C-alpha atoms as a PDB file:
ATOM      1  CA  ALA A   1       6.482  25.306 -36.354  1.00  0.00           C
ATOM      2  CA  ILE A   2       5.133  23.590 -33.582  1.00  0.00           C
ATOM      3  CA  ALA A   3       8.072  21.806 -33.182  1.00  0.00           C
ATOM      4  CA  SER A   4      10.281  24.703 -32.864  1.00  0.00           C
ATOM      5  CA  THR A   5       8.001  25.814 -30.155  1.00  0.00           C
ATOM      6  CA  TYR A   6       8.764  22.620 -27.913  1.00  0.00           C
ATOM      7  CA  ASP A   7      12.043  22.416 -28.740  1.00  0.00           C
ATOM      8  CA  GLY A   8      12.180  26.126 -26.947  1.00  0.00           C
ATOM      9  CA  VAL A   9      10.239  24.650 -24.166  1.00  0.00           C
ATOM     10  CA  ALA A  10      11.836  21.915 -23.578  1.00  0.00           C
ATOM     11  CA  ALA A  11      14.319  22.412 -20.914  1.00  0.00           C
ATOM     12  CA  ALA A  12      11.311  23.977 -18.655  1.00  0.00           C
ATOM     13  CA  ARG A  13       9.422  21.197 -18.874  1.00  0.00           C
ATOM     14  CA  GLU A  14      12.492  19.036 -17.878  1.00  0.00           C
ATOM     15  CA  GLU A  15      12.708  21.171 -15.390  1.00  0.00           C
ATOM     16  CA  ARG A  16       9.174  21.611 -14.172  1.00  0.00           C
ATOM     17  CA  GLY A  17       8.188  17.756 -14.469  1.00  0.00           C
ATOM     18  CA  GLU A  18       5.027  15.980 -14.872  1.00  0.00           C
ATOM     19  CA  GLU A  19       1.127  17.132 -13.396  1.00  0.00           C
ATOM     20  CA  PRO A  20      -0.304  15.070 -10.824  1.00  0.00           C
ATOM     21  CA  TRP A  21      -3.419  14.808 -11.890  1.00  0.00           C
ATOM     22  CA  ARG A  22      -2.343  13.178 -14.601  1.00  0.00           C
ATOM     23  CA  TRP A  23      -0.812   9.891 -12.894  1.00  0.00           C
ATOM     24  CA  PRO A  24      -4.065   8.513 -11.402  1.00  0.00           C
ATOM     25  CA  ILE A  25      -5.308   8.347 -15.315  1.00  0.00           C
ATOM     26  CA  ALA A  26      -2.466   6.517 -16.114  1.00  0.00           C
ATOM     27  CA  GLU A  27      -2.508   4.224 -13.386  1.00  0.00           C
ATOM     28  CA  ARG A  28      -6.153   3.343 -14.792  1.00  0.00           C
ATOM     29  CA  PHE A  29      -4.495   2.407 -18.726  1.00  0.00           C
ATOM     30  CA  LEU A  30      -1.643   0.692 -17.017  1.00  0.00           C
ATOM     31  CA  ALA A  31      -4.017  -1.858 -14.930  1.00  0.00           C
ATOM     32  CA  THR A  32      -6.606  -1.890 -17.873  1.00  0.00           C
ATOM     33  CA  MET A  33      -3.330  -3.348 -20.043  1.00  0.00           C
ATOM     34  CA  GLN A  34      -2.038  -5.357 -17.483  1.00  0.00           C
ATOM     35  CA  VAL A  35      -5.340  -7.140 -17.149  1.00  0.00           C
ATOM     36  CA  GLU A  36      -5.366  -7.632 -20.717  1.00  0.00           C
ATOM     37  CA  GLY A  37      -1.619  -9.173 -21.340  1.00  0.00           C
ATOM     38  CA  LEU A  38      -0.957  -6.081 -23.281  1.00  0.00           C
ATOM     39  CA  SER A  39       2.525  -5.008 -23.344  1.00  0.00           C
ATOM     40  CA  ARG A  40       4.107  -3.004 -26.221  1.00  0.00           C
ATOM     41  CA  LEU A  41       3.255   0.749 -25.856  1.00  0.00           C
ATOM     42  CA  LEU A  42       3.631   3.745 -28.310  1.00  0.00           C
ATOM     43  CA  GLU A  43       3.369   7.238 -26.668  1.00  0.00           C
ATOM     44  CA  ILE A  44       2.504   9.907 -29.382  1.00  0.00           C
ATOM     45  CA  GLY A  45       3.450  13.215 -28.044  1.00  0.00           C
ATOM     46  CA  ALA A  46       5.742  12.257 -24.997  1.00  0.00           C
ATOM     47  CA  GLY A  47       6.879  15.193 -24.240  1.00  0.00           C
ATOM     48  CA  VAL A  48      10.196  15.226 -22.269  1.00  0.00           C
ATOM     49  CA  GLY A  49       8.963  11.537 -21.789  1.00  0.00           C
ATOM     50  CA  TYR A  50       8.266  11.613 -17.772  1.00  0.00           C
ATOM     51  CA  THR A  51       4.855   9.753 -18.685  1.00  0.00           C
ATOM     52  CA  SER A  52       6.982   6.971 -20.844  1.00  0.00           C
ATOM     53  CA  ARG A  53       9.248   6.695 -18.037  1.00  0.00           C
ATOM     54  CA  TRP A  54       6.651   5.834 -15.792  1.00  0.00           C
ATOM     55  CA  PHE A  55       4.916   3.324 -18.095  1.00  0.00           C
ATOM     56  CA  ALA A  56       8.549   1.542 -18.811  1.00  0.00           C
ATOM     57  CA  ASP A  57       9.094   1.143 -14.845  1.00  0.00           C
ATOM     58  CA  HIS A  58       6.058  -0.533 -14.629  1.00  0.00           C
ATOM     59  CA  GLY A  59       7.044  -3.281 -16.721  1.00  0.00           C
ATOM     60  CA  LEU A  60       5.549  -2.162 -20.460  1.00  0.00           C
ATOM     61  CA  GLU A  61       7.921  -2.143 -23.705  1.00  0.00           C
ATOM     62  CA  VAL A  62       7.644   1.346 -24.604  1.00  0.00           C
ATOM     63  CA  MET A  63       8.399   3.782 -27.575  1.00  0.00           C
ATOM     64  CA  ALA A  64       7.961   7.295 -26.856  1.00  0.00           C
ATOM     65  CA  THR A  65       8.020   9.237 -29.534  1.00  0.00           C
ATOM     66  CA  ASP A  66       7.406  13.698 -30.429  1.00  0.00           C
ATOM     67  CA  LEU A  67       7.678  16.259 -33.085  1.00  0.00           C
ATOM     68  CA  SER A  68      10.044  17.781 -31.182  1.00  0.00           C
ATOM     69  CA  PRO A  69      14.397  16.424 -31.484  1.00  0.00           C
ATOM     70  CA  GLN A  70      14.794  18.293 -28.002  1.00  0.00           C
ATOM     71  CA  GLN A  71      11.993  16.694 -26.363  1.00  0.00           C
ATOM     72  CA  VAL A  72      13.101  13.209 -28.064  1.00  0.00           C
ATOM     73  CA  GLU A  73      16.740  13.712 -26.493  1.00  0.00           C
ATOM     74  CA  PHE A  74      15.227  14.346 -23.017  1.00  0.00           C
ATOM     75  CA  CYS A  75      13.648  10.888 -23.533  1.00  0.00           C
ATOM     76  CA  ARG A  76      16.541   8.872 -24.314  1.00  0.00           C
ATOM     77  CA  ALA A  77      18.319  10.609 -21.839  1.00  0.00           C
ATOM     78  CA  LYS A  78      16.099   8.814 -19.153  1.00  0.00           C
ATOM     79  CA  GLY A  79      16.525   5.885 -21.287  1.00  0.00           C
ATOM     80  CA  LEU A  80      14.152   5.531 -23.025  1.00  0.00           C
ATOM     81  CA  GLU A  81      13.420   4.335 -26.540  1.00  0.00           C
ATOM     82  CA  ALA A  82      12.558   7.416 -28.298  1.00  0.00           C
ATOM     83  CA  ARG A  83      12.077   8.816 -31.334  1.00  0.00           C
ATOM     84  CA  VAL A  84      11.538  11.604 -33.585  1.00  0.00           C
ATOM     85  CA  ALA A  85       7.718  11.147 -34.908  1.00  0.00           C
ATOM     86  CA  ASP A  86       4.936  13.091 -36.285  1.00  0.00           C
ATOM     87  CA  MET A  87       0.944  12.317 -35.558  1.00  0.00           C
ATOM     88  CA  TYR A  88      -0.009  12.499 -39.058  1.00  0.00           C
ATOM     89  CA  ASP A  89       2.635  10.308 -40.502  1.00  0.00           C
ATOM     90  CA  LEU A  90       3.761   7.828 -37.191  1.00  0.00           C
ATOM     91  CA  GLY A  91       5.925   5.601 -39.800  1.00  0.00           C
ATOM     92  CA  PHE A  92       5.213   2.321 -38.157  1.00  0.00           C
ATOM     93  CA  PRO A  93       4.182  -0.930 -39.342  1.00  0.00           C
ATOM     94  CA  PRO A  94       0.518  -2.246 -38.901  1.00  0.00           C
ATOM     95  CA  GLY A  95       0.026  -3.744 -35.269  1.00  0.00           C
ATOM     96  CA  SER A  96       3.536  -3.080 -34.173  1.00  0.00           C
ATOM     97  CA  PHE A  97       2.213  -2.425 -30.674  1.00  0.00           C
ATOM     98  CA  ASP A  98      -0.572  -3.426 -28.590  1.00  0.00           C
ATOM     99  CA  ALA A  99      -1.187   0.050 -27.107  1.00  0.00           C
ATOM    100  CA  ALA A 100      -1.288   3.835 -27.584  1.00  0.00           C
ATOM    101  CA  TRP A 101      -1.256   7.003 -25.042  1.00  0.00           C
ATOM    102  CA  ALA A 102      -1.558  10.535 -26.339  1.00  0.00           C
ATOM    103  CA  MET A 103      -1.726  13.373 -23.732  1.00  0.00           C
ATOM    104  CA  ASN A 104      -2.573  16.285 -24.944  1.00  0.00           C
ATOM    105  CA  CYS A 105      -1.185  16.189 -29.143  1.00  0.00           C
ATOM    106  CA  ILE A 106      -4.613  15.936 -30.796  1.00  0.00           C
ATOM    107  CA  HIS A 107      -5.788  19.360 -30.431  1.00  0.00           C
ATOM    108  CA  HIS A 108      -2.606  20.688 -32.765  1.00  0.00           C
ATOM    109  CA  VAL A 109      -4.765  18.532 -35.615  1.00  0.00           C
ATOM    110  CA  ALA A 110      -6.570  20.317 -37.566  1.00  0.00           C
ATOM    111  CA  ASP A 111     -10.505  19.454 -37.672  1.00  0.00           C
ATOM    112  CA  ALA A 112      -9.830  18.190 -42.085  1.00  0.00           C
ATOM    113  CA  ASP A 113      -7.265  15.832 -40.634  1.00  0.00           C
ATOM    114  CA  LEU A 114      -8.185  14.766 -37.481  1.00  0.00           C
ATOM    115  CA  PRO A 115      -9.767  11.692 -38.955  1.00  0.00           C
ATOM    116  CA  ALA A 116      -6.585  10.344 -41.001  1.00  0.00           C
ATOM    117  CA  VAL A 117      -4.970  10.961 -38.085  1.00  0.00           C
ATOM    118  CA  LEU A 118      -6.855   9.050 -35.760  1.00  0.00           C
ATOM    119  CA  GLU A 119      -7.156   5.838 -38.271  1.00  0.00           C
ATOM    120  CA  GLY A 120      -3.429   6.032 -38.283  1.00  0.00           C
ATOM    121  CA  VAL A 121      -2.952   5.759 -34.769  1.00  0.00           C
ATOM    122  CA  ALA A 122      -5.146   2.806 -34.716  1.00  0.00           C
ATOM    123  CA  ARG A 123      -3.280   1.226 -37.888  1.00  0.00           C
ATOM    124  CA  VAL A 124       0.018   0.950 -35.488  1.00  0.00           C
ATOM    125  CA  VAL A 125      -1.762  -0.646 -32.642  1.00  0.00           C
ATOM    126  CA  SER A 126      -2.933  -4.487 -33.041  1.00  0.00           C
ATOM    127  CA  PRO A 127      -6.650  -5.036 -33.593  1.00  0.00           C
ATOM    128  CA  GLY A 128      -8.448  -5.071 -30.090  1.00  0.00           C
ATOM    129  CA  GLY A 129      -5.775  -3.466 -28.731  1.00  0.00           C
ATOM    130  CA  LEU A 130      -5.899  -0.222 -26.217  1.00  0.00           C
ATOM    131  CA  VAL A 131      -5.735   3.671 -27.256  1.00  0.00           C
ATOM    132  CA  TYR A 132      -5.885   6.383 -24.612  1.00  0.00           C
ATOM    133  CA  ILE A 133      -6.128   9.748 -25.437  1.00  0.00           C
ATOM    134  CA  GLY A 134      -7.003  13.019 -23.682  1.00  0.00           C
ATOM    135  CA  VAL A 135      -6.887  16.453 -25.276  1.00  0.00           C
ATOM    136  CA  TRP A 136      -8.267  19.827 -24.473  1.00  0.00           C
ATOM    137  CA  GLY A 137     -12.128  20.653 -25.556  1.00  0.00           C
ATOM    138  CA  GLY A 138     -15.570  20.995 -25.397  1.00  0.00           C
ATOM    139  CA  LEU A 139     -16.131  23.988 -27.576  1.00  0.00           C
ATOM    140  CA  ASP A 140     -15.463  23.713 -31.020  1.00  0.00           C
ATOM    141  CA  ARG A 141     -12.935  26.100 -31.782  1.00  0.00           C
ATOM    142  CA  GLN A 142     -10.083  26.355 -33.982  1.00  0.00           C
ATOM    143  CA  GLY A 143      -7.355  28.743 -34.700  1.00  0.00           C
ATOM    144  CA  VAL A 144      -4.188  29.997 -33.457  1.00  0.00           C
ATOM    145  CA  PRO A 145      -5.149  31.342 -29.730  1.00  0.00           C
ATOM    146  CA  GLU A 146      -3.595  35.631 -29.558  1.00  0.00           C
ATOM    147  CA  GLU A 147      -3.043  34.968 -25.458  1.00  0.00           C
ATOM    148  CA  ASP A 148      -0.967  31.956 -25.800  1.00  0.00           C
ATOM    149  CA  PHE A 149       2.582  32.815 -24.659  1.00  0.00           C
ATOM    150  CA  TYR A 150       4.496  29.770 -26.066  1.00  0.00           C
ATOM    151  CA  LEU A 151       6.769  31.142 -29.459  1.00  0.00           C
ATOM    152  CA  PRO A 152       6.215  30.849 -32.402  1.00  0.00           C
ATOM    153  CA  ALA A 153       2.621  30.153 -31.443  1.00  0.00           C
ATOM    154  CA  ARG A 154       0.401  27.269 -31.442  1.00  0.00           C
ATOM    155  CA  PHE A 155      -2.956  25.722 -33.924  1.00  0.00           C
ATOM    156  CA  PHE A 156      -5.403  24.315 -31.505  1.00  0.00           C
ATOM    157  CA  ALA A 157      -8.669  23.037 -32.479  1.00  0.00           C
ATOM    158  CA  PHE A 158     -10.632  22.469 -29.918  1.00  0.00           C
ATOM    159  CA  ARG A 159     -13.548  20.130 -30.628  1.00  0.00           C
ATOM    160  CA  SER A 160     -17.330  19.597 -27.889  1.00  0.00           C
ATOM    161  CA  ASP A 161     -17.498  16.842 -26.538  1.00  0.00           C
ATOM    162  CA  ALA A 162     -19.748  15.259 -29.078  1.00  0.00           C
ATOM    163  CA  ALA A 163     -18.076  16.214 -32.005  1.00  0.00           C
ATOM    164  CA  LEU A 164     -14.973  14.125 -30.670  1.00  0.00           C
ATOM    165  CA  ARG A 165     -16.761  11.277 -29.959  1.00  0.00           C
ATOM    166  CA  SER A 166     -18.342  10.971 -33.217  1.00  0.00           C
ATOM    167  CA  ALA A 167     -14.543  11.040 -34.795  1.00  0.00           C
ATOM    168  CA  MET A 168     -13.544   8.419 -32.545  1.00  0.00           C
ATOM    169  CA  GLU A 169     -16.277   6.065 -33.098  1.00  0.00           C
ATOM    170  CA  ARG A 170     -14.963   6.052 -37.547  1.00  0.00           C
ATOM    171  CA  SER A 171     -11.981   4.590 -36.275  1.00  0.00           C
ATOM    172  CA  PHE A 172     -12.596   3.124 -32.922  1.00  0.00           C
ATOM    173  CA  VAL A 173     -15.061   1.625 -30.277  1.00  0.00           C
ATOM    174  CA  VAL A 174     -15.024   3.713 -27.342  1.00  0.00           C
ATOM    175  CA  GLU A 175     -14.625   1.978 -24.020  1.00  0.00           C
ATOM    176  CA  TRP A 176     -15.361   5.646 -21.773  1.00  0.00           C
ATOM    177  CA  PHE A 177     -15.478   8.648 -22.314  1.00  0.00           C
ATOM    178  CA  GLU A 178     -15.077  11.113 -19.837  1.00  0.00           C
ATOM    179  CA  VAL A 179     -14.708  15.229 -18.991  1.00  0.00           C
ATOM    180  CA  PHE A 180     -13.465  17.353 -16.201  1.00  0.00           C
ATOM    181  CA  GLN A 181     -11.243  20.036 -14.934  1.00  0.00           C
ATOM    182  CA  PRO A 182      -7.955  19.285 -14.056  1.00  0.00           C
ATOM    183  CA  ASN A 183      -7.065  19.834 -10.550  1.00  0.00           C
ATOM    184  CA  ASP A 184     -10.828  21.267  -9.712  1.00  0.00           C
ATOM    185  CA  GLU A 185     -10.131  24.763 -11.507  1.00  0.00           C
ATOM    186  CA  PRO A 186     -12.240  25.890 -14.028  1.00  0.00           C
ATOM    187  CA  ASP A 187     -10.422  27.008 -16.770  1.00  0.00           C
ATOM    188  CA  GLU A 188     -11.185  30.187 -18.004  1.00  0.00           C
ATOM    189  CA  ASP A 189     -11.762  29.444 -21.457  1.00  0.00           C
ATOM    190  CA  GLY A 190     -14.574  27.309 -20.742  1.00  0.00           C
ATOM    191  CA  LEU A 191     -12.743  24.122 -21.435  1.00  0.00           C
ATOM    192  CA  HIS A 192     -12.227  20.719 -19.664  1.00  0.00           C
ATOM    193  CA  MET A 193     -10.541  17.656 -20.176  1.00  0.00           C
ATOM    194  CA  GLN A 194     -11.563  15.195 -22.609  1.00  0.00           C
ATOM    195  CA  SER A 195     -10.470  11.747 -21.479  1.00  0.00           C
ATOM    196  CA  THR A 196     -10.967   8.827 -23.361  1.00  0.00           C
ATOM    197  CA  LEU A 197     -10.343   5.043 -23.429  1.00  0.00           C
ATOM    198  CA  LEU A 198     -10.740   3.990 -27.423  1.00  0.00           C
ATOM    199  CA  ARG A 199     -10.158   0.066 -28.398  1.00  0.00           C
ATOM    200  CA  VAL A 200      -9.491  -0.767 -32.322  1.00  0.00           C
ATOM    201  CA  PRO A 201     -11.802  -2.499 -34.054  1.00  0.00           C
ATOM    202  CA  GLY A 202     -10.844  -6.376 -34.406  1.00  0.00           C
END
Protein backbone atom coordinates (compact mmCIF):
# COMPACT_ATOMS: atom_id res chain seq x y z
CA ALA A 1 0.00 0.00 0.00
CA ILE A 2 2.81 2.43 0.83
CA ALA A 3 4.40 1.95 -2.60
CA SER A 4 1.13 2.67 -4.42
CA THR A 5 0.52 5.70 -2.20
CA TYR A 6 3.85 7.25 -3.12
CA ASP A 7 3.51 6.23 -6.76
CA GLY A 8 0.37 8.35 -6.80
CA VAL A 9 2.05 11.48 -5.46
CA ALA A 10 5.41 11.18 -7.24
CA ALA A 11 4.62 13.78 -9.90
CA ALA A 12 3.39 16.26 -7.29
CA ARG A 13 6.54 15.73 -5.21
CA GLU A 14 8.70 16.25 -8.28
CA GLU A 15 6.99 19.56 -8.93
CA ARG A 16 7.11 20.68 -5.29
CA GLY A 17 10.83 20.15 -4.75
CA GLU A 18 12.55 19.69 -1.41
CA GLU A 19 11.76 21.40 1.87
CA PRO A 20 14.42 24.06 2.64
CA TRP A 21 14.93 23.06 6.28
CA ARG A 22 16.49 19.76 5.18
CA TRP A 23 19.51 21.29 3.43
CA PRO A 24 21.47 22.46 6.52
CA ILE A 25 21.23 18.91 7.87
CA ALA A 26 22.46 17.49 4.57
CA GLU A 27 25.35 19.97 4.58
CA ARG A 28 26.34 18.94 8.10
CA PHE A 29 26.21 15.25 7.20
CA LEU A 30 28.21 15.82 4.01
CA ALA A 31 30.87 17.73 5.94
CA THR A 32 31.22 14.85 8.40
CA MET A 33 31.55 12.35 5.56
CA GLN A 34 34.19 14.49 3.87
CA VAL A 35 36.25 14.89 7.05
CA GLU A 36 36.24 11.11 7.48
CA GLY A 37 36.99 10.39 3.82
CA LEU A 38 33.71 8.59 3.16
CA SER A 39 32.23 8.59 -0.33
CA ARG A 40 29.74 5.74 -0.91
CA LEU A 41 26.26 6.80 0.21
CA LEU A 42 22.99 4.87 0.27
CA GLU A 43 19.81 6.93 0.46
CA ILE A 44 16.87 4.97 1.87
CA GLY A 45 13.48 6.42 1.02
CA ALA A 46 14.96 8.76 -1.58
CA GLY A 47 11.60 9.91 -2.91
CA VAL A 48 12.02 11.63 -6.26
CA GLY A 49 15.75 12.09 -5.69
CA TYR A 50 16.41 15.75 -4.89
CA THR A 51 18.61 14.98 -1.88
CA SER A 52 20.46 12.15 -3.63
CA ARG A 53 21.14 14.45 -6.59
CA TRP A 54 22.50 17.10 -4.21
CA PHE A 55 24.84 14.60 -2.54
CA ALA A 56 26.01 13.36 -5.95
CA ASP A 57 26.63 16.93 -7.11
CA HIS A 58 28.88 17.34 -4.06
CA GLY A 59 31.10 14.43 -5.03
CA LEU A 60 29.55 11.39 -3.37
CA GLU A 61 28.87 8.03 -5.04
CA VAL A 62 25.14 7.74 -4.40
CA MET A 63 22.70 4.85 -4.63
CA ALA A 64 19.12 6.12 -4.34
CA THR A 65 16.49 3.63 -3.19
CA ASP A 66 12.76 3.90 -2.66
CA LEU A 67 9.82 1.54 -2.31
CA SER A 68 7.90 3.41 -5.03
CA PRO A 69 8.82 2.45 -8.63
CA GLN A 70 7.44 5.76 -9.89
CA GLN A 71 9.64 7.76 -7.54
CA VAL A 72 12.66 5.67 -8.56
CA GLU A 73 11.99 6.64 -12.17
CA PHE A 74 12.18 10.31 -11.18
CA CYS A 75 15.52 9.55 -9.47
CA ARG A 76 16.86 7.95 -12.65
CA ALA A 77 15.67 10.91 -14.71
CA LYS A 78 18.00 13.03 -12.57
CA GLY A 79 20.92 10.86 -13.68
CA LEU A 80 21.10 8.92 -10.43
CA GLU A 81 21.82 5.26 -9.94
CA ALA A 82 18.57 4.13 -8.35
CA ARG A 83 16.64 0.99 -7.58
CA VAL A 84 13.42 -0.11 -5.96
CA ALA A 85 14.24 -1.40 -2.48
CA ASP A 86 12.37 -2.16 0.72
CA MET A 87 13.71 -1.09 4.13
CA TYR A 88 12.81 -4.55 5.40
CA ASP A 89 15.24 -6.16 2.93
CA LEU A 90 17.58 -3.65 1.28
CA GLY A 91 19.20 -6.30 -0.91
CA PHE A 92 22.83 -5.11 -0.77
CA PRO A 93 25.84 -7.14 0.43
CA PRO A 94 27.24 -6.32 3.88
CA GLY A 95 29.44 -3.22 3.99
CA SER A 96 28.41 -1.99 0.53
CA PHE A 97 28.37 1.67 1.62
CA ASP A 98 30.34 4.07 3.79
CA ALA A 99 27.20 5.83 4.97
CA ALA A 100 23.41 5.87 4.72
CA TRP A 101 20.82 8.65 4.79
CA ALA A 102 17.17 8.01 5.69
CA MET A 103 14.88 11.02 6.03
CA ASN A 104 11.25 10.48 7.01
CA CYS A 105 10.88 6.82 6.24
CA ILE A 106 11.29 4.70 9.40
CA HIS A 107 8.04 6.13 10.78
CA HIS A 108 6.35 3.70 8.38
CA VAL A 109 7.98 0.77 10.25
CA ALA A 110 5.99 -0.88 13.05
CA ASP A 111 7.61 -1.01 16.48
CA ALA A 112 7.90 -4.80 16.33
CA ASP A 113 9.87 -4.58 13.08
CA LEU A 114 12.10 -1.62 13.91
CA PRO A 115 15.04 -3.56 15.45
CA ALA A 116 15.38 -5.76 12.35
CA VAL A 117 15.12 -2.76 10.00
CA LEU A 118 17.81 -0.82 11.89
CA GLU A 119 20.04 -3.90 11.97
CA GLY A 120 19.57 -4.25 8.22
CA VAL A 121 20.69 -0.66 7.67
CA ALA A 122 23.73 -1.21 9.88
CA ARG A 123 24.61 -4.37 7.96
CA VAL A 124 24.93 -2.67 4.56
CA VAL A 125 27.18 0.11 5.94
CA SER A 126 30.84 -0.60 6.65
CA PRO A 127 31.94 -0.87 10.29
CA GLY A 128 32.72 2.61 11.55
CA GLY A 129 30.46 4.15 8.90
CA LEU A 130 27.78 6.78 9.43
CA VAL A 131 24.00 6.68 9.28
CA TYR A 132 21.70 9.70 9.40
CA ILE A 133 18.08 9.10 10.36
CA GLY A 134 15.55 11.91 10.56
CA VAL A 135 11.96 11.16 11.47
CA TRP A 136 8.84 12.68 12.97
CA GLY A 137 8.20 11.58 16.56
CA GLY A 138 8.16 12.72 20.16
CA LEU A 139 5.35 10.54 21.43
CA ASP A 140 4.51 6.84 21.27
CA ARG A 141 1.66 6.21 18.83
CA GLN A 142 1.17 3.88 15.88
CA GLY A 143 -1.63 3.24 13.43
CA VAL A 144 -3.27 4.80 10.37
CA PRO A 145 -4.22 8.42 11.14
CA GLU A 146 -7.77 9.31 10.13
CA GLU A 147 -6.53 12.66 8.89
CA ASP A 148 -3.94 11.26 6.47
CA PHE A 149 -4.72 12.93 3.15
CA TYR A 150 -2.74 10.44 1.06
CA LEU A 151 -4.50 7.47 -0.54
CA PRO A 152 -4.19 4.65 0.29
CA ALA A 153 -3.76 6.02 3.82
CA ARG A 154 -0.38 5.35 5.37
CA PHE A 155 0.62 3.49 8.54
CA PHE A 156 2.74 5.53 10.94
CA ALA A 157 4.69 4.56 14.05
CA PHE A 158 5.79 7.60 16.04
CA ARG A 159 8.14 7.10 18.99
CA SER A 160 9.15 9.11 22.01
CA ASP A 161 12.71 10.39 22.02
CA ALA A 162 13.66 7.85 24.69
CA ALA A 163 12.08 4.92 22.81
CA LEU A 164 13.72 5.80 19.51
CA ARG A 165 17.12 6.35 21.06
CA SER A 166 16.88 3.04 22.91
CA ALA A 167 16.04 1.21 19.68
CA MET A 168 18.93 2.87 17.85
CA GLU A 169 21.43 2.01 20.57
CA ARG A 170 20.88 -1.70 19.92
CA SER A 171 22.50 -1.41 16.48
CA PHE A 172 24.48 1.84 16.53
CA VAL A 173 26.55 4.24 18.58
CA VAL A 174 24.51 7.45 18.81
CA GLU A 175 26.76 10.38 17.84
CA TRP A 176 24.01 12.96 18.25
CA PHE A 177 20.27 12.97 18.83
CA GLU A 178 18.60 16.35 18.35
CA VAL A 179 15.00 17.50 18.16
CA PHE A 180 13.54 20.56 16.45
CA GLN A 181 10.45 21.98 14.78
CA PRO A 182 10.95 22.52 11.04
CA ASN A 183 10.54 26.20 10.20
CA ASP A 184 10.01 26.80 13.96
CA GLU A 185 6.33 25.98 13.50
CA PRO A 186 4.74 23.89 16.29
CA ASP A 187 3.09 20.70 15.03
CA GLU A 188 -0.59 20.47 15.90
CA ASP A 189 -0.21 16.75 16.68
CA GLY A 190 2.54 17.38 19.22
CA LEU A 191 5.25 15.89 17.02
CA HIS A 192 8.76 17.16 16.37
CA MET A 193 11.63 16.14 14.14
CA GLN A 194 14.09 13.64 15.62
CA SER A 195 17.43 14.19 13.91
CA THR A 196 20.11 11.61 14.60
CA LEU A 197 23.65 10.78 13.53
CA LEU A 198 24.60 7.18 14.17
CA ARG A 199 27.79 5.18 13.77
CA VAL A 200 28.02 1.52 12.89
CA PRO A 201 30.11 -0.23 15.57
CA GLY A 202 33.50 -1.56 14.54
